[in-house]
Amino acid sequence: MTYIVNENCIKCKFTDCVEVCPVDCFYEGENMLVIHPDECIDCGVCEPECPVDAIKPDTEPGLEQWLELNRRYAETWPNITAKKEAPPNADDFRDEKDKFKKYFSSEPGSGD
């Protein structure tokens, strides 16, 4: 088992989860984070830290595409280990649906 980040993170990119991760397995894209599934130790401390419910165990049904997306981009995006300020308009996107189709960016973030 591992944890994954889903589309709830897109355009919100709160980094509370990064701060509590004991193995630094988060990677930063332009407008979302991902978890490297081979680095995650399945401790679960990140899940309750996410204010937009974007972190889920990969054992939940229907998350296969998110596991693959997390794996793919964790290989190319920079590692992030310290909390950053969320985007200034993050709350505007908190409850929006279908964010992947509308806003996903494969561009890397700045990392640490």
Protein backbone atom coordinates (compact mmCIF):
# COMPACT_ATOMS: atom_id res chain seq x y z
CA MET A 1 0.00 0.00 0.00
CA THR A 2 0.98 3.60 -0.54
CA TYR A 3 -0.73 6.94 -0.42
CA ILE A 4 -1.51 9.03 -3.48
CA VAL A 5 -2.45 12.64 -4.17
CA ASN A 6 -5.58 13.16 -6.27
CA GLU A 7 -7.05 16.07 -8.21
CA ASN A 8 -8.28 17.86 -5.09
CA CYS A 9 -4.73 19.16 -4.76
CA ILE A 10 -4.73 20.87 -8.16
CA LYS A 11 -4.69 24.68 -7.84
CA CYS A 12 -4.80 24.37 -4.03
CA LYS A 13 -1.36 22.86 -3.36
CA PHE A 14 -1.42 23.20 0.40
CA THR A 15 1.85 21.79 1.70
CA ASP A 16 0.90 20.87 5.27
CA CYS A 17 1.44 17.22 4.28
CA VAL A 18 5.05 17.81 3.26
CA GLU A 19 5.97 19.10 6.67
CA VAL A 20 4.93 15.90 8.48
CA CYS A 21 6.30 13.32 6.01
CA PRO A 22 9.10 11.37 7.74
CA VAL A 23 10.63 10.13 4.46
CA ASP A 24 10.33 13.22 2.22
CA CYS A 25 8.41 11.42 -0.54
CA PHE A 26 6.50 14.45 -1.88
CA TYR A 27 7.32 16.02 -5.23
CA GLU A 28 6.14 19.39 -6.48
CA GLY A 29 4.47 20.20 -9.76
CA GLU A 30 3.45 23.62 -10.95
CA ASN A 31 -0.02 23.34 -9.41
CA MET A 32 -0.13 20.12 -7.36
CA LEU A 33 1.96 17.68 -5.34
CA VAL A 34 2.50 13.95 -5.81
CA ILE A 35 3.78 11.14 -3.60
CA HIS A 36 6.45 8.76 -4.84
CA PRO A 37 4.80 5.37 -4.23
CA ASP A 38 8.13 3.54 -3.89
CA GLU A 39 9.34 5.95 -1.21
CA CYS A 40 6.13 6.22 0.83
CA ILE A 41 6.28 4.06 3.97
CA ASP A 42 2.49 3.98 4.36
CA CYS A 43 2.54 5.70 7.74
CA GLY A 44 -0.51 7.82 6.91
CA VAL A 45 0.52 10.92 8.84
CA CYS A 46 0.04 13.08 5.73
CA GLU A 47 -3.58 12.14 5.06
CA PRO A 48 -5.25 14.05 7.93
CA GLU A 49 -3.02 17.09 7.31
CA CYS A 50 -4.54 17.81 3.90
CA PRO A 51 -7.26 20.48 4.19
CA VAL A 52 -8.80 19.51 0.82
CA ASP A 53 -8.88 15.71 1.31
CA ALA A 54 -6.47 15.13 -1.59
CA ILE A 55 -4.46 12.30 -0.01
CA LYS A 56 -5.87 8.78 -0.08
CA PRO A 57 -4.57 5.24 0.40
CA ASP A 58 -4.16 3.51 -2.95
CA THR A 59 -6.34 0.67 -1.68
CA GLU A 60 -9.47 2.76 -2.21
CA PRO A 61 -11.28 1.74 -5.41
CA GLY A 62 -10.90 3.88 -8.51
CA LEU A 63 -7.51 5.41 -7.69
CA GLU A 64 -5.38 3.43 -10.16
CA GLN A 65 -4.94 6.38 -12.53
CA TRP A 66 -3.80 8.54 -9.62
CA LEU A 67 -1.25 5.97 -8.53
CA GLU A 68 0.20 5.98 -12.05
CA LEU A 69 0.18 9.80 -12.22
CA ASN A 70 1.91 10.05 -8.84
CA ARG A 71 4.54 7.53 -9.90
CA ARG A 72 5.17 9.22 -13.26
CA TYR A 73 5.59 12.76 -11.99
CA ALA A 74 7.49 11.85 -8.82
CA GLU A 75 10.22 10.68 -11.19
CA THR A 76 10.58 14.10 -12.87
CA TRP A 77 9.33 16.78 -10.48
CA PRO A 78 11.60 18.19 -7.74
CA ASN A 79 11.41 16.96 -4.17
CA ILE A 80 9.69 19.21 -1.64
CA THR A 81 10.39 18.79 2.08
CA ALA A 82 9.37 22.12 3.61
CA LYS A 83 5.99 23.80 3.89
CA LYS A 84 5.35 26.73 1.54
CA GLU A 85 2.57 29.25 1.30
CA ALA A 86 -0.42 27.99 -0.67
CA PRO A 87 -1.30 29.84 -3.87
CA PRO A 88 -3.11 33.10 -3.00
CA ASN A 89 -6.33 31.93 -4.69
CA ALA A 90 -6.22 28.33 -3.39
CA ASP A 91 -9.49 28.65 -1.48
CA ASP A 92 -11.28 29.60 -4.72
CA PHE A 93 -10.57 26.09 -6.04
CA ARG A 94 -11.12 24.11 -2.83
CA ASP A 95 -14.50 22.59 -3.80
CA GLU A 96 -14.24 22.65 -7.59
CA LYS A 97 -14.80 19.37 -9.44
CA ASP A 98 -13.03 17.99 -12.55
CA LYS A 99 -9.90 20.02 -11.88
CA PHE A 100 -7.64 17.57 -13.71
CA LYS A 101 -9.29 18.21 -17.09
CA LYS A 102 -9.40 21.96 -16.54
CA TYR A 103 -6.12 22.80 -14.83
CA PHE A 104 -3.57 19.98 -14.55
CA SER A 105 -0.05 21.02 -15.51
CA SER A 106 2.76 18.55 -16.10
CA GLU A 107 5.30 21.33 -15.51
CA PRO A 108 7.52 20.95 -12.46
CA GLY A 109 7.34 23.20 -9.42
CA SER A 110 10.35 24.77 -7.77
CA GLY A 111 10.86 22.18 -5.01
CA ASP A 112 13.05 23.09 -2.08
